[in-house]
Amino acid sequence: MPKKVLILSSSPRKGGNSDTLCNEFMRGAIDAGNNIEKICLRDKKINYCTGCSVCSQYGKPCPQKDDAAEIIAKMLDADVIVMATPVYFYTMSAQMKTLIDRCCSRYTEIKDKEFYFIVTAAENDRSKMLRTIDTFQGFLDCLENPVIKGTIFGLGAWLVGEIKKHPAMQEAYQTGHSI
């Protein structure tokens, strides 16, 4: 049965390395017959959480009028969520973290999802990239029954396009195809 797959690309660069791996993951998932939507956070307006507590204290939707509510609704509807980020100073991009913070209003509704992570960095030391995965894990620790299905590391790629020669390209395709 086809799954609804939502790919969240937080690369600020169009055609950046993490974005390129998202496309390869997407190609594999499409070839396997899944329903895919890719959202590039750079193309969306997502404000910072203001901590106003309207969502938690009063149970009302976030009062901010931006694209976050639409993206979060798509997260709720998806079976599989792919979260992709370039690594800056050994953690996720600000775009991804801002979206995660905005999930405050509905995070208790994000249940029983499969998650995949894609991280790219100029750094070659995989152990240092685990800091980024740990940050994703902090988000998942607040959700009900999340399952991490895989992580793709595109290391040693800084300049746009360097990832195209990397074994992570094949891994991204195969992982997407295996959903």
Protein backbone atom coordinates (compact mmCIF):
# COMPACT_ATOMS: atom_id res chain seq x y z
CA MET A 1 0.00 0.00 0.00
CA PRO A 2 1.45 3.41 -0.93
CA LYS A 3 2.44 5.68 1.92
CA LYS A 4 2.09 9.44 2.20
CA VAL A 5 5.64 10.75 2.41
CA LEU A 6 6.41 14.33 3.38
CA ILE A 7 9.94 15.54 2.71
CA LEU A 8 10.99 18.67 4.60
CA SER A 9 14.10 20.17 3.03
CA SER A 10 15.67 22.91 5.13
CA SER A 11 18.52 23.72 2.79
CA PRO A 12 18.70 27.47 2.24
CA ARG A 13 20.43 26.75 -1.09
CA LYS A 14 18.35 25.60 -4.05
CA GLY A 15 20.14 22.51 -5.30
CA GLY A 16 22.21 22.36 -2.12
CA ASN A 17 23.64 19.04 -1.02
CA SER A 18 20.91 18.08 1.45
CA ASP A 19 18.28 19.25 -1.04
CA THR A 20 19.87 17.07 -3.73
CA LEU A 21 19.71 14.05 -1.42
CA CYS A 22 16.03 14.85 -0.80
CA ASN A 23 15.42 14.71 -4.53
CA GLU A 24 17.13 11.33 -4.76
CA PHE A 25 15.14 10.00 -1.79
CA MET A 26 12.00 11.32 -3.46
CA ARG A 27 12.88 9.66 -6.77
CA GLY A 28 13.26 6.31 -5.02
CA ALA A 29 10.01 6.70 -3.08
CA ILE A 30 8.11 7.67 -6.25
CA ASP A 31 9.58 4.71 -8.13
CA ALA A 32 8.27 2.47 -5.32
CA GLY A 33 4.75 3.87 -5.82
CA ASN A 34 4.42 6.14 -2.81
CA ASN A 35 2.67 9.52 -2.66
CA ILE A 36 5.29 12.21 -2.14
CA GLU A 37 5.28 15.87 -1.28
CA LYS A 38 8.47 17.84 -0.85
CA ILE A 39 8.43 21.18 0.94
CA CYS A 40 11.43 23.48 0.74
CA LEU A 41 11.39 25.54 3.91
CA ARG A 42 13.39 28.28 2.17
CA ASP A 43 10.29 28.97 0.05
CA LYS A 44 8.00 29.30 3.07
CA LYS A 45 7.45 32.02 5.64
CA ILE A 46 7.84 30.49 9.09
CA ASN A 47 8.09 32.90 11.99
CA TYR A 48 9.80 32.08 15.26
CA CYS A 49 7.64 30.80 18.10
CA THR A 50 6.94 33.80 20.32
CA GLY A 51 6.15 31.78 23.45
CA CYS A 52 2.77 33.48 23.76
CA SER A 53 1.24 30.25 25.16
CA VAL A 54 -2.03 30.71 23.26
CA CYS A 55 -1.71 27.15 21.92
CA SER A 56 -0.82 25.47 25.21
CA GLN A 57 -2.60 27.61 27.78
CA TYR A 58 -5.83 28.18 25.90
CA GLY A 59 -5.82 25.26 23.46
CA LYS A 60 -6.24 27.58 20.51
CA PRO A 61 -4.31 27.50 17.24
CA CYS A 62 -1.15 29.53 16.94
CA PRO A 63 -2.18 33.13 16.23
CA GLN A 64 0.68 33.72 13.79
CA LYS A 65 -0.34 33.99 10.16
CA ASP A 66 2.40 32.29 8.19
CA ASP A 67 3.04 28.93 6.48
CA ALA A 68 3.78 26.90 9.62
CA ALA A 69 0.18 25.76 10.25
CA GLU A 70 -0.12 24.38 6.71
CA ILE A 71 3.18 22.48 6.98
CA ILE A 72 2.31 21.07 10.40
CA ALA A 73 -1.08 19.91 9.06
CA LYS A 74 0.78 18.05 6.32
CA MET A 75 3.03 16.48 8.96
CA LEU A 76 -0.09 15.22 10.75
CA ASP A 77 -1.43 13.75 7.51
CA ALA A 78 1.82 12.01 6.47
CA ASP A 79 2.74 8.41 7.21
CA VAL A 80 6.44 9.13 6.71
CA ILE A 81 8.32 12.36 7.47
CA VAL A 82 11.78 13.00 6.04
CA MET A 83 13.65 15.81 7.75
CA ALA A 84 16.70 17.03 5.87
CA THR A 85 19.24 19.63 6.90
CA PRO A 86 22.68 20.88 6.13
CA VAL A 87 24.79 20.91 9.26
CA TYR A 88 25.90 24.31 10.54
CA PHE A 89 28.20 24.39 13.56
CA TYR A 90 27.32 20.76 14.30
CA THR A 91 23.56 21.17 14.43
CA MET A 92 20.57 21.57 12.15
CA SER A 93 19.77 24.65 10.12
CA ALA A 94 17.81 27.48 11.71
CA GLN A 95 15.03 26.87 9.18
CA MET A 96 14.47 23.32 10.46
CA LYS A 97 14.73 24.27 14.13
CA THR A 98 12.25 27.10 13.63
CA LEU A 99 9.73 24.68 12.12
CA ILE A 100 10.25 22.21 14.97
CA ASP A 101 9.68 24.98 17.53
CA ARG A 102 6.45 25.96 15.79
CA CYS A 103 5.15 22.40 16.23
CA CYS A 104 4.41 23.37 19.86
CA SER A 105 0.75 23.97 19.06
CA ARG A 106 0.13 20.47 17.68
CA TYR A 107 3.04 18.20 18.60
CA THR A 108 0.79 15.95 20.70
CA GLU A 109 -1.09 15.10 17.50
CA ILE A 110 2.03 13.93 15.64
CA LYS A 111 1.63 10.23 16.38
CA ASP A 112 2.77 6.93 14.92
CA LYS A 113 4.99 8.44 12.22
CA GLU A 114 8.02 6.94 10.53
CA PHE A 115 10.98 9.32 10.35
CA TYR A 116 14.04 9.49 8.13
CA PHE A 117 16.82 12.03 8.55
CA ILE A 118 19.16 13.40 5.91
CA VAL A 119 22.18 15.42 7.03
CA THR A 120 24.99 16.85 4.95
CA ALA A 121 28.16 18.57 6.04
CA ALA A 122 31.64 19.54 4.92
CA GLU A 123 32.85 17.64 7.97
CA ASN A 124 33.86 14.01 7.49
CA ASP A 125 33.61 12.92 11.13
CA ARG A 126 30.33 11.02 11.44
CA SER A 127 30.48 11.05 15.25
CA LYS A 128 30.21 14.85 15.20
CA MET A 129 27.10 14.61 13.02
CA LEU A 130 25.40 12.59 15.74
CA ARG A 131 24.90 15.89 17.57
CA THR A 132 22.48 16.88 14.82
CA ILE A 133 20.68 13.55 15.01
CA ASP A 134 20.47 13.98 18.78
CA THR A 135 18.69 17.31 18.22
CA PHE A 136 16.18 15.59 15.94
CA GLN A 137 15.81 12.92 18.63
CA GLY A 138 14.92 15.63 21.15
CA PHE A 139 11.96 16.54 18.95
CA LEU A 140 10.91 12.91 18.54
CA ASP A 141 11.17 12.32 22.29
CA CYS A 142 8.17 14.65 22.63
CA LEU A 143 6.04 12.73 20.10
CA GLU A 144 3.93 9.64 20.57
CA ASN A 145 5.35 6.47 19.05
CA PRO A 146 7.77 7.88 16.47
CA VAL A 147 9.94 5.33 14.67
CA ILE A 148 13.30 6.30 13.18
CA LYS A 149 13.61 4.21 10.03
CA GLY A 150 16.91 5.55 8.73
CA THR A 151 19.52 8.26 8.59
CA ILE A 152 21.51 9.26 5.53
CA PHE A 153 24.83 11.02 6.10
CA GLY A 154 26.26 13.03 3.21
CA LEU A 155 29.60 13.95 4.69
CA GLY A 156 32.58 15.68 3.13
CA ALA A 157 30.39 17.77 0.81
CA TRP A 158 30.46 21.53 1.12
CA LEU A 159 30.18 23.14 -2.29
CA VAL A 160 26.92 22.87 -4.21
CA GLY A 161 26.92 19.66 -6.21
CA GLU A 162 29.72 17.88 -4.37
CA ILE A 163 27.20 15.37 -3.05
CA LYS A 164 26.47 14.08 -6.56
CA LYS A 165 29.67 12.01 -6.45
CA HIS A 166 28.98 10.70 -2.96
CA PRO A 167 27.74 7.19 -2.07
CA ALA A 168 24.92 8.89 -0.13
CA MET A 169 23.18 9.52 -3.47
CA GLN A 170 22.63 5.80 -4.01
CA GLU A 171 21.75 5.32 -0.35
CA ALA A 172 19.13 8.08 -0.56
CA TYR A 173 17.53 6.50 -3.62
CA GLN A 174 17.54 3.01 -2.11
CA THR A 175 16.19 4.23 1.23
CA GLY A 176 13.36 6.10 -0.50
CA HIS A 177 12.63 3.06 -2.63
CA SER A 178 12.46 0.81 0.44
CA ILE A 179 9.55 2.64 2.08
